[in-house]
Amino acid sequence: MRSYEMVTIFQADLEEHESAVGEIEGVVRNLGGEIVKSSSWGKRRFAYPIQKQTEGFYAVLTFTLDPSQVSELERLLKLKTQVLRHLVIALDET
């Protein structure tokens, strides 16, 4: 298992942000991962429009996951219409 951090931007007009973050946490758990930390940054304005939207709701997850499952996680995130953007990075192992 390797440690990762993921920033996800959801649509700003989404009513239930907590449930959307919970769905993403569930996806990580279903792939065999473990959530270490979850935090919400709230609604922020974009520097430029993304899919014709000017604001989004940011959430950050820190989790452990098998490296072979990261591509599947990214594939599943691309299928969710409420996710505008996401970025998964591997954390340094020190």
C-alpha atoms as a PDB file:
ATOM      1  CA  MET A   1       0.000   0.000   0.000  1.00  0.00           C
ATOM      2  CA  ARG A   2       1.207   3.472  -0.856  1.00  0.00           C
ATOM      3  CA  SER A   3       0.100   6.867   0.466  1.00  0.00           C
ATOM      4  CA  TYR A   4      -1.690   9.263  -1.877  1.00  0.00           C
ATOM      5  CA  GLU A   5      -3.312  12.661  -1.706  1.00  0.00           C
ATOM      6  CA  MET A   6      -6.177  13.644  -3.988  1.00  0.00           C
ATOM      7  CA  VAL A   7      -7.755  17.033  -4.635  1.00  0.00           C
ATOM      8  CA  THR A   8     -11.232  16.837  -6.137  1.00  0.00           C
ATOM      9  CA  ILE A   9     -13.268  19.765  -7.467  1.00  0.00           C
ATOM     10  CA  PHE A  10     -17.026  19.265  -7.458  1.00  0.00           C
ATOM     11  CA  GLN A  11     -19.701  21.385  -9.125  1.00  0.00           C
ATOM     12  CA  ALA A  12     -20.488  24.417  -6.950  1.00  0.00           C
ATOM     13  CA  ASP A  13     -24.255  24.075  -7.397  1.00  0.00           C
ATOM     14  CA  LEU A  14     -24.228  20.539  -5.994  1.00  0.00           C
ATOM     15  CA  GLU A  15     -26.557  20.421  -2.948  1.00  0.00           C
ATOM     16  CA  GLU A  16     -24.961  17.608  -0.950  1.00  0.00           C
ATOM     17  CA  HIS A  17     -21.187  18.092  -0.999  1.00  0.00           C
ATOM     18  CA  GLU A  18     -20.645  15.847   2.014  1.00  0.00           C
ATOM     19  CA  SER A  19     -22.427  12.933   0.357  1.00  0.00           C
ATOM     20  CA  ALA A  20     -20.399  13.436  -2.848  1.00  0.00           C
ATOM     21  CA  VAL A  21     -17.178  13.319  -0.815  1.00  0.00           C
ATOM     22  CA  GLY A  22     -18.545  10.228   0.961  1.00  0.00           C
ATOM     23  CA  GLU A  23     -19.125   8.554  -2.413  1.00  0.00           C
ATOM     24  CA  ILE A  24     -15.491   9.170  -3.385  1.00  0.00           C
ATOM     25  CA  GLU A  25     -14.348   7.775  -0.033  1.00  0.00           C
ATOM     26  CA  GLY A  26     -16.512   4.713  -0.713  1.00  0.00           C
ATOM     27  CA  VAL A  27     -14.854   4.228  -4.103  1.00  0.00           C
ATOM     28  CA  VAL A  28     -11.423   4.271  -2.458  1.00  0.00           C
ATOM     29  CA  ARG A  29     -12.563   1.759   0.175  1.00  0.00           C
ATOM     30  CA  ASN A  30     -14.111  -0.532  -2.461  1.00  0.00           C
ATOM     31  CA  LEU A  31     -10.769  -0.607  -4.268  1.00  0.00           C
ATOM     32  CA  GLY A  32      -9.100  -1.835  -1.069  1.00  0.00           C
ATOM     33  CA  GLY A  33      -7.836   1.516   0.178  1.00  0.00           C
ATOM     34  CA  GLU A  34      -8.022   3.195   3.575  1.00  0.00           C
ATOM     35  CA  ILE A  35      -8.934   6.844   4.183  1.00  0.00           C
ATOM     36  CA  VAL A  36      -6.381   8.561   6.425  1.00  0.00           C
ATOM     37  CA  LYS A  37      -7.741  12.116   6.345  1.00  0.00           C
ATOM     38  CA  SER A  38     -10.584  13.957   4.642  1.00  0.00           C
ATOM     39  CA  SER A  39     -11.043  17.715   4.578  1.00  0.00           C
ATOM     40  CA  SER A  40     -13.181  20.208   2.705  1.00  0.00           C
ATOM     41  CA  TRP A  41     -11.827  23.517   1.476  1.00  0.00           C
ATOM     42  CA  GLY A  42     -15.255  24.807   0.592  1.00  0.00           C
ATOM     43  CA  LYS A  43     -16.395  26.801  -2.413  1.00  0.00           C
ATOM     44  CA  ARG A  44     -13.689  28.690  -4.309  1.00  0.00           C
ATOM     45  CA  ARG A  45     -13.576  30.841  -7.423  1.00  0.00           C
ATOM     46  CA  PHE A  46     -11.584  29.527 -10.405  1.00  0.00           C
ATOM     47  CA  ALA A  47      -8.863  31.515 -12.152  1.00  0.00           C
ATOM     48  CA  TYR A  48     -10.492  30.521 -15.450  1.00  0.00           C
ATOM     49  CA  PRO A  49     -13.771  28.777 -16.353  1.00  0.00           C
ATOM     50  CA  ILE A  50     -13.841  24.975 -16.189  1.00  0.00           C
ATOM     51  CA  GLN A  51     -16.674  23.415 -18.195  1.00  0.00           C
ATOM     52  CA  LYS A  52     -18.349  26.866 -18.308  1.00  0.00           C
ATOM     53  CA  GLN A  53     -18.358  27.138 -14.497  1.00  0.00           C
ATOM     54  CA  THR A  54     -16.562  29.796 -12.461  1.00  0.00           C
ATOM     55  CA  GLU A  55     -16.763  28.232  -8.978  1.00  0.00           C
ATOM     56  CA  GLY A  56     -16.242  24.803  -7.503  1.00  0.00           C
ATOM     57  CA  PHE A  57     -16.264  22.941  -4.193  1.00  0.00           C
ATOM     58  CA  TYR A  58     -12.831  21.598  -3.223  1.00  0.00           C
ATOM     59  CA  ALA A  59     -12.205  18.450  -1.155  1.00  0.00           C
ATOM     60  CA  VAL A  60      -8.865  16.865  -0.210  1.00  0.00           C
ATOM     61  CA  LEU A  61      -8.434  13.178   0.660  1.00  0.00           C
ATOM     62  CA  THR A  62      -5.346  11.483   2.021  1.00  0.00           C
ATOM     63  CA  PHE A  63      -5.484   7.713   1.652  1.00  0.00           C
ATOM     64  CA  THR A  64      -3.502   4.521   1.156  1.00  0.00           C
ATOM     65  CA  LEU A  65      -4.093   2.374  -1.899  1.00  0.00           C
ATOM     66  CA  ASP A  66      -2.400  -0.336  -3.928  1.00  0.00           C
ATOM     67  CA  PRO A  67      -0.583   1.405  -6.826  1.00  0.00           C
ATOM     68  CA  SER A  68      -2.232  -0.897  -9.356  1.00  0.00           C
ATOM     69  CA  GLN A  69      -5.670   0.459  -8.343  1.00  0.00           C
ATOM     70  CA  VAL A  70      -4.922   4.154  -8.939  1.00  0.00           C
ATOM     71  CA  SER A  71      -5.781   4.018 -12.644  1.00  0.00           C
ATOM     72  CA  GLU A  72      -9.121   2.369 -11.794  1.00  0.00           C
ATOM     73  CA  LEU A  73      -9.822   5.122  -9.237  1.00  0.00           C
ATOM     74  CA  GLU A  74      -9.129   7.798 -11.852  1.00  0.00           C
ATOM     75  CA  ARG A  75     -11.331   5.994 -14.384  1.00  0.00           C
ATOM     76  CA  LEU A  76     -14.228   5.899 -11.918  1.00  0.00           C
ATOM     77  CA  LEU A  77     -13.797   9.596 -11.067  1.00  0.00           C
ATOM     78  CA  LYS A  78     -13.995  10.534 -14.752  1.00  0.00           C
ATOM     79  CA  LEU A  79     -17.398   8.816 -14.928  1.00  0.00           C
ATOM     80  CA  LYS A  80     -18.898  10.949 -12.138  1.00  0.00           C
ATOM     81  CA  THR A  81     -20.604  13.999 -13.626  1.00  0.00           C
ATOM     82  CA  GLN A  82     -20.387  16.069 -10.427  1.00  0.00           C
ATOM     83  CA  VAL A  83     -16.551  15.898 -10.472  1.00  0.00           C
ATOM     84  CA  LEU A  84     -15.089  18.729 -12.561  1.00  0.00           C
ATOM     85  CA  ARG A  85     -11.405  17.959 -11.954  1.00  0.00           C
ATOM     86  CA  HIS A  86      -9.259  15.682  -9.811  1.00  0.00           C
ATOM     87  CA  LEU A  87      -5.568  15.190  -9.168  1.00  0.00           C
ATOM     88  CA  VAL A  88      -3.999  12.184  -7.453  1.00  0.00           C
ATOM     89  CA  ILE A  89      -0.383  12.441  -6.291  1.00  0.00           C
ATOM     90  CA  ALA A  90       1.808   9.924  -4.490  1.00  0.00           C
ATOM     91  CA  LEU A  91       3.206  11.145  -1.179  1.00  0.00           C
ATOM     92  CA  ASP A  92       6.873  10.703  -0.370  1.00  0.00           C
ATOM     93  CA  GLU A  93       7.670   7.707   1.764  1.00  0.00           C
ATOM     94  CA  THR A  94      10.069   8.881   4.467  1.00  0.00           C
END
